[in-house]
Protein backbone atom coordinates (compact mmCIF):
# COMPACT_ATOMS: atom_id res chain seq x y z
CA MET A 1 99.99 83.51 60.47
CA LYS A 2 98.24 83.44 63.65
CA ILE A 3 100.60 80.81 64.93
CA ALA A 4 103.76 82.57 64.09
CA LEU A 5 102.23 85.39 66.33
CA ALA A 6 101.63 83.98 69.01
CA PHE A 7 105.36 81.62 68.77
CA LEU A 8 106.45 85.32 68.30
CA SER A 9 104.48 86.67 71.50
CA THR A 10 105.35 83.94 73.51
CA ALA A 11 109.25 83.97 72.86
CA LEU A 12 109.37 87.83 73.43
CA VAL A 13 107.61 87.45 76.94
CA ILE A 14 109.82 84.57 77.71
CA LEU A 15 112.70 86.76 76.95
CA ALA A 16 112.10 89.78 78.98
CA CYS A 17 111.18 87.91 81.87
CA THR A 18 114.84 85.99 81.45
CA ASN A 19 116.78 89.67 81.33
CA MET A 20 114.82 91.00 84.63
CA SER A 21 117.33 91.43 87.32
CA THR A 22 116.09 89.91 90.67
CA GLN A 23 118.73 92.15 92.56
CA PRO A 24 117.28 95.84 93.52
CA SER A 25 118.70 98.64 91.70
CA ILE A 26 121.66 100.22 93.17
CA ASN A 27 121.06 104.08 93.62
CA ASN A 28 124.79 105.58 92.61
CA ASN A 29 123.24 109.40 91.92
CA MET A 30 123.28 109.58 95.61
CA SER A 31 119.38 110.87 95.82
CA GLN A 32 116.14 109.20 95.10
CA ASP A 33 115.89 112.19 92.24
CA ASN A 34 117.70 114.49 91.27
CA ASN A 35 116.13 117.51 92.71
CA ASN A 36 116.57 116.91 96.67
CA PRO A 37 118.57 119.50 97.49
CA TYR A 38 119.38 118.38 101.05
CA TYR A 39 120.87 114.88 100.42
CA SER A 40 124.39 114.45 101.02
CA ARG A 41 126.04 110.83 102.09
CA THR A 42 128.95 113.20 103.55
CA ASP A 43 126.86 115.92 105.47
CA THR A 44 125.81 114.68 109.06
CA THR A 45 124.56 118.87 109.87
CA LYS A 46 120.97 118.24 111.48
CA LEU A 47 118.68 119.54 109.32
CA ASN A 48 114.86 121.68 110.02
CA VAL A 49 112.98 121.14 106.56
CA SER A 50 109.44 121.45 106.66
CA ASP A 51 106.73 118.64 106.15
CA THR A 52 105.39 120.88 103.30
CA GLU A 53 108.74 121.21 101.20
CA TRP A 54 109.74 117.58 101.83
CA LYS A 55 106.34 116.71 99.80
CA LYS A 56 107.71 118.54 97.04
CA ILE A 57 111.11 116.89 96.57
CA LEU A 58 109.61 113.47 97.60
CA SER A 59 107.75 110.69 95.79
CA SER A 60 104.57 109.92 97.33
CA ASP A 61 105.59 106.73 98.09
CA LEU A 62 108.66 107.46 100.07
CA TYR A 63 106.55 110.88 101.49
CA GLY A 64 103.92 108.69 103.00
CA VAL A 65 106.75 106.25 104.76
CA ALA A 66 109.38 108.84 105.65
CA ARG A 67 107.17 111.79 106.67
CA ASN A 68 103.58 109.78 107.46
CA LYS A 69 105.08 107.30 109.44
CA ASP A 70 103.23 104.83 107.02
CA THR A 71 104.70 101.07 106.62
CA GLU A 72 105.37 99.62 103.29
CA ARG A 73 103.84 96.20 102.97
CA ALA A 74 105.74 93.01 104.58
CA TYR A 75 108.01 91.40 102.12
CA THR A 76 107.76 93.64 99.24
CA GLY A 77 110.80 96.38 99.83
CA LYS A 78 113.53 96.05 97.76
CA TYR A 79 116.03 95.27 100.63
CA THR A 80 114.44 92.96 102.46
CA ASP A 81 116.37 89.60 100.96
CA PHE A 82 119.48 91.89 99.39
CA GLU A 83 122.77 90.67 100.61
CA GLY A 84 125.21 92.91 99.02
CA LEU A 85 128.09 94.89 100.63
CA GLY A 86 128.08 98.38 101.57
CA ILE A 87 126.40 101.17 103.68
CA TYR A 88 122.54 101.55 103.75
CA HIS A 89 121.77 105.44 103.79
CA CYS A 90 118.44 107.29 104.64
CA ALA A 91 116.66 107.67 101.13
CA VAL A 92 115.49 111.10 102.38
CA CYS A 93 118.60 113.11 103.24
CA GLY A 94 121.47 110.65 102.41
CA ASN A 95 122.48 110.41 106.12
CA ALA A 96 124.19 106.68 106.65
CA LEU A 97 122.58 104.21 109.16
CA PHE A 98 123.57 100.86 109.16
CA ARG A 99 126.46 98.55 107.51
CA SER A 100 125.34 95.96 105.75
CA ASP A 101 127.36 93.20 108.20
CA SER A 102 124.74 94.35 110.46
CA LYS A 103 122.28 92.99 108.38
CA PHE A 104 120.31 89.43 109.47
CA SER A 105 117.74 88.01 107.99
CA SER A 106 114.49 87.93 110.61
CA HIS A 107 111.95 86.90 108.21
CA CYS A 108 109.96 89.21 109.58
CA GLY A 109 109.29 91.23 105.89
CA TRP A 110 111.50 94.00 106.54
CA PRO A 111 115.27 94.62 106.13
CA SER A 112 116.47 93.92 110.11
CA PHE A 113 119.78 95.16 111.35
CA PHE A 114 121.42 94.50 114.91
CA GLU A 115 123.17 97.90 115.33
CA ALA A 116 122.98 101.79 113.24
CA LEU A 117 126.25 102.83 112.32
CA ARG A 118 126.81 105.17 114.83
CA GLU A 119 125.51 106.80 117.65
CA ASN A 120 123.66 109.10 116.38
CA ALA A 121 123.08 107.96 113.01
CA VAL A 122 119.40 107.50 114.23
CA ILE A 123 117.27 108.35 117.20
CA TYR A 124 114.79 107.10 119.10
CA GLU A 125 110.90 107.85 119.71
CA ASP A 126 107.84 106.37 121.84
CA ASP A 127 105.46 105.37 119.60
CA ARG A 128 101.78 104.31 121.11
CA ALA A 129 99.96 104.79 117.61
CA TYR A 130 96.96 101.74 116.76
CA GLY A 131 96.96 100.86 121.11
CA MET A 132 100.67 99.31 120.83
CA SER A 133 103.78 100.38 122.63
CA ARG A 134 106.85 100.50 120.53
CA ILE A 135 109.93 102.39 119.92
CA GLU A 136 110.02 103.98 116.66
CA VAL A 137 113.58 104.79 114.81
CA LEU A 138 113.82 108.05 112.89
CA CYS A 139 117.09 109.11 110.57
CA GLY A 140 119.52 111.25 113.21
CA ARG A 141 119.80 113.76 110.69
CA CYS A 142 116.06 114.93 108.98
CA ASP A 143 114.17 112.74 111.48
CA SER A 144 112.56 110.78 108.84
CA HIS A 145 110.53 107.61 109.99
CA LEU A 146 112.76 104.69 108.93
CA GLY A 147 110.87 101.98 110.89
CA HIS A 148 110.49 100.07 115.02
CA ILE A 149 113.73 98.33 117.20
CA PHE A 150 112.66 95.74 119.07
CA ASP A 151 114.92 93.78 121.66
CA ASP A 152 114.54 90.02 119.98
CA GLY A 153 117.69 90.58 117.97
CA PRO A 154 120.56 88.50 117.40
CA PRO A 155 124.48 88.79 119.65
CA PRO A 156 125.80 91.23 119.92
CA THR A 157 122.89 93.80 120.78
CA GLY A 158 119.93 91.87 121.07
CA LYS A 159 118.31 94.47 119.26
CA ARG A 160 116.15 94.18 115.75
CA TYR A 161 116.13 97.29 113.69
CA CYS A 162 112.82 96.75 111.56
CA MET A 163 113.47 98.85 109.39
CA ASN A 164 111.07 100.13 105.67
CA SER A 165 113.15 99.30 102.31
CA ILE A 166 111.78 102.58 100.80
CA SER A 167 113.57 104.85 103.36
CA LEU A 168 116.66 103.35 102.70
CA ASP A 169 119.35 103.97 99.88
CA PHE A 170 122.66 101.59 99.21
CA ALA A 171 126.09 102.39 98.56
CA PRO A 172 128.16 99.21 97.53
CA ASP A 173 131.30 99.08 99.42
CA VAL A 174 134.31 99.94 96.43
CA PRO A 175 137.54 98.55 96.33
CA VAL A 176 140.71 100.75 96.72
CA LYS A 177 142.27 97.82 95.01
CA ASP A 178 141.07 94.59 93.93
CA SER A 179 141.42 92.59 97.20
CA GLU A 180 140.75 95.25 99.87
CA PRO A 181 137.34 96.41 100.74
CA ALA A 182 136.90 100.73 100.87
CA LEU A 183 135.24 100.31 104.10
CA PRO A 184 136.46 97.94 107.53
CA HIS A 185 134.22 95.17 107.84
CA ARG A 186 133.09 94.25 111.23
CA GLY A 187 136.43 92.95 113.31
CA ASN A 188 138.56 94.10 110.71
């Protein structure tokens, strides 16, 4: 009986492990949760929401990074090695930030991009925290902390936007027809 139970337990563990997905879950609900009235993937109106209000709406992990400027640990984010085609949005407000064709593997432990989607998608601030001199990248719509930008990226910009995965949502390209992407890729 003990052998049968041990075998059954082992089989269940193996079955559960083989059914686990290695891809991040794609957030198609257009919000980290359904309680965020400010989340929109189409509205680009500048938001002026207090941190007190954000704290009521956001998960504690997202609030810590986006509003308190924490950093997720390297190589732990769901988009670090993700290769889906689509658009990365601000996880706080839904603002479109980066196209997947500007993402590259920088081996730094965080998702990296060489350019923002449009001119005002992100804004920049000097960051002198922890005795370093860096440029912080913030969402152009809600001023949430996304990460930092460095001058060691690939052509054509030479920039590396080093972003926290938790600050990003991903929307996959949806084909208009079977052979035609909904959004144009670089060079098309």
